[in-house]
């Protein structure tokens, strides 16, 4: 009968990241997320803010998730819309709030992420 002891694997484990490396990774990740949201918001706002368009739940989700990305554009002098005036009401507002909270959770999840430390 064969021996039942597991074979040992000699794979090298990666070294733990230093605090500076984690900080650099976070800054890069947050910059990429912010730029992606900013460009996406600019692209979406030109397509969905038309006088004849009635915004619903899905549009509220998208606009809520992209609303924080409007800040750089607003500070840069663009007059970006952040809320559809022509909407279906409660469904749009619920979608907007869910989208806003999802974006905040994702953004701050990356900001406060800490890699696991090996013992």
Protein backbone atom coordinates (compact mmCIF):
# COMPACT_ATOMS: atom_id res chain seq x y z
CA UNK A 1 0.00 0.00 0.00
CA UNK A 2 1.24 3.48 -0.84
CA UNK A 3 2.34 5.94 1.77
CA UNK A 4 -0.46 8.44 2.56
CA UNK A 5 1.70 11.41 3.49
CA UNK A 6 1.15 14.46 1.28
CA UNK A 7 3.95 15.51 -1.03
CA UNK A 8 5.65 18.74 -0.09
CA UNK A 9 5.57 21.56 -2.58
CA UNK A 10 8.61 23.81 -2.77
CA UNK A 11 6.84 26.82 -4.19
CA UNK A 12 8.13 30.14 -2.93
CA UNK A 13 5.58 32.30 -1.18
CA UNK A 14 5.57 35.96 -2.19
CA UNK A 15 6.98 38.36 0.35
CA UNK A 16 4.54 40.61 2.19
CA UNK A 17 4.05 44.04 0.69
CA UNK A 18 5.50 46.97 2.56
CA UNK A 19 3.28 49.82 3.67
CA UNK A 20 4.71 52.07 0.94
CA UNK A 21 3.93 49.49 -1.73
CA UNK A 22 0.35 49.11 -0.46
CA UNK A 23 -0.05 52.90 -0.44
CA UNK A 24 1.22 53.18 -4.02
CA UNK A 25 -1.11 50.38 -5.14
CA UNK A 26 -4.07 52.10 -3.47
CA UNK A 27 -3.26 55.47 -5.04
CA UNK A 28 -2.95 53.92 -8.49
CA UNK A 29 -6.17 51.91 -8.07
CA UNK A 30 -8.17 54.91 -6.83
CA UNK A 31 -6.81 57.10 -9.64
CA UNK A 32 -7.76 54.51 -12.27
CA UNK A 33 -11.24 54.08 -10.74
CA UNK A 34 -11.77 57.86 -10.58
CA UNK A 35 -10.66 58.44 -14.16
CA UNK A 36 -12.79 55.56 -15.42
CA UNK A 37 -15.84 56.93 -13.60
CA UNK A 38 -15.15 60.45 -14.87
CA UNK A 39 -14.88 59.44 -18.53
CA UNK A 40 -17.87 57.11 -18.24
CA UNK A 41 -19.96 59.86 -16.68
CA UNK A 42 -19.08 62.27 -19.47
CA UNK A 43 -20.02 59.64 -22.07
CA UNK A 44 -23.30 58.69 -20.36
CA UNK A 45 -24.45 62.26 -19.68
CA UNK A 46 -24.46 63.17 -23.37
CA UNK A 47 -26.67 60.20 -24.21
CA UNK A 48 -29.24 60.12 -21.41
CA UNK A 49 -29.97 63.76 -20.63
CA UNK A 50 -32.31 64.59 -23.48
CA UNK A 51 -35.62 66.40 -23.01
CA UNK A 52 -37.71 63.45 -24.25
CA UNK A 53 -35.99 60.76 -22.13
CA UNK A 54 -37.76 59.53 -18.98
CA UNK A 55 -35.27 58.04 -16.53
CA UNK A 56 -36.21 54.81 -14.74
CA UNK A 57 -34.68 52.49 -12.14
CA UNK A 58 -31.75 51.32 -14.28
CA UNK A 59 -30.87 54.86 -15.29
CA UNK A 60 -31.02 55.83 -11.62
CA UNK A 61 -28.55 53.04 -10.80
CA UNK A 62 -26.12 54.23 -13.45
CA UNK A 63 -26.46 57.91 -12.58
CA UNK A 64 -26.12 57.24 -8.85
CA UNK A 65 -23.02 55.13 -9.37
CA UNK A 66 -21.45 57.75 -11.63
CA UNK A 67 -22.51 60.86 -9.68
CA UNK A 68 -19.27 61.08 -7.62
CA UNK A 69 -17.37 61.13 -10.90
CA UNK A 70 -19.00 64.45 -11.78
CA UNK A 71 -16.93 66.33 -9.19
CA UNK A 72 -13.75 66.66 -11.30
CA UNK A 73 -15.77 67.81 -14.29
CA UNK A 74 -17.75 70.31 -12.24
CA UNK A 75 -14.56 71.67 -10.70
CA UNK A 76 -13.05 71.86 -14.18
CA UNK A 77 -15.81 74.17 -15.39
CA UNK A 78 -18.21 71.75 -17.13
CA UNK A 79 -21.88 71.97 -16.22
CA UNK A 80 -22.62 68.24 -15.83
CA UNK A 81 -26.07 67.08 -14.81
CA UNK A 82 -26.12 64.81 -11.75
CA UNK A 83 -29.87 64.08 -11.47
CA UNK A 84 -32.44 63.52 -14.24
CA UNK A 85 -35.26 66.03 -13.82
CA UNK A 86 -37.55 63.94 -16.05
CA UNK A 87 -37.85 60.64 -14.15
CA UNK A 88 -40.46 58.06 -13.14
CA UNK A 89 -40.35 59.01 -9.46
CA UNK A 90 -39.75 56.58 -6.64
CA UNK A 91 -38.19 53.85 -8.83
CA UNK A 92 -35.61 56.27 -10.22
CA UNK A 93 -34.78 57.63 -6.76
CA UNK A 94 -34.34 54.15 -5.27
CA UNK A 95 -32.05 53.22 -8.17
CA UNK A 96 -30.11 56.45 -7.72
CA UNK A 97 -29.54 55.82 -4.01
CA UNK A 98 -28.55 52.17 -4.58
CA UNK A 99 -26.12 53.20 -7.31
CA UNK A 100 -24.59 55.92 -5.15
CA UNK A 101 -24.13 53.54 -2.22
CA UNK A 102 -22.66 50.83 -4.46
CA UNK A 103 -20.12 53.27 -5.87
CA UNK A 104 -19.17 54.47 -2.40
CA UNK A 105 -18.80 50.93 -1.10
CA UNK A 106 -16.59 49.95 -4.02
CA UNK A 107 -14.48 53.11 -3.89
CA UNK A 108 -13.95 53.06 -0.13
CA UNK A 109 -13.48 49.29 -0.19
CA UNK A 110 -10.43 49.83 -2.37
CA UNK A 111 -9.28 52.77 -0.26
CA UNK A 112 -9.38 50.83 3.01
CA UNK A 113 -8.28 47.45 1.64
CA UNK A 114 -5.48 45.82 3.57
CA UNK A 115 -3.69 42.76 2.25
CA UNK A 116 -3.64 39.70 4.45
CA UNK A 117 -0.46 39.19 6.35
CA UNK A 118 1.06 35.72 6.36
CA UNK A 119 2.22 34.33 9.65
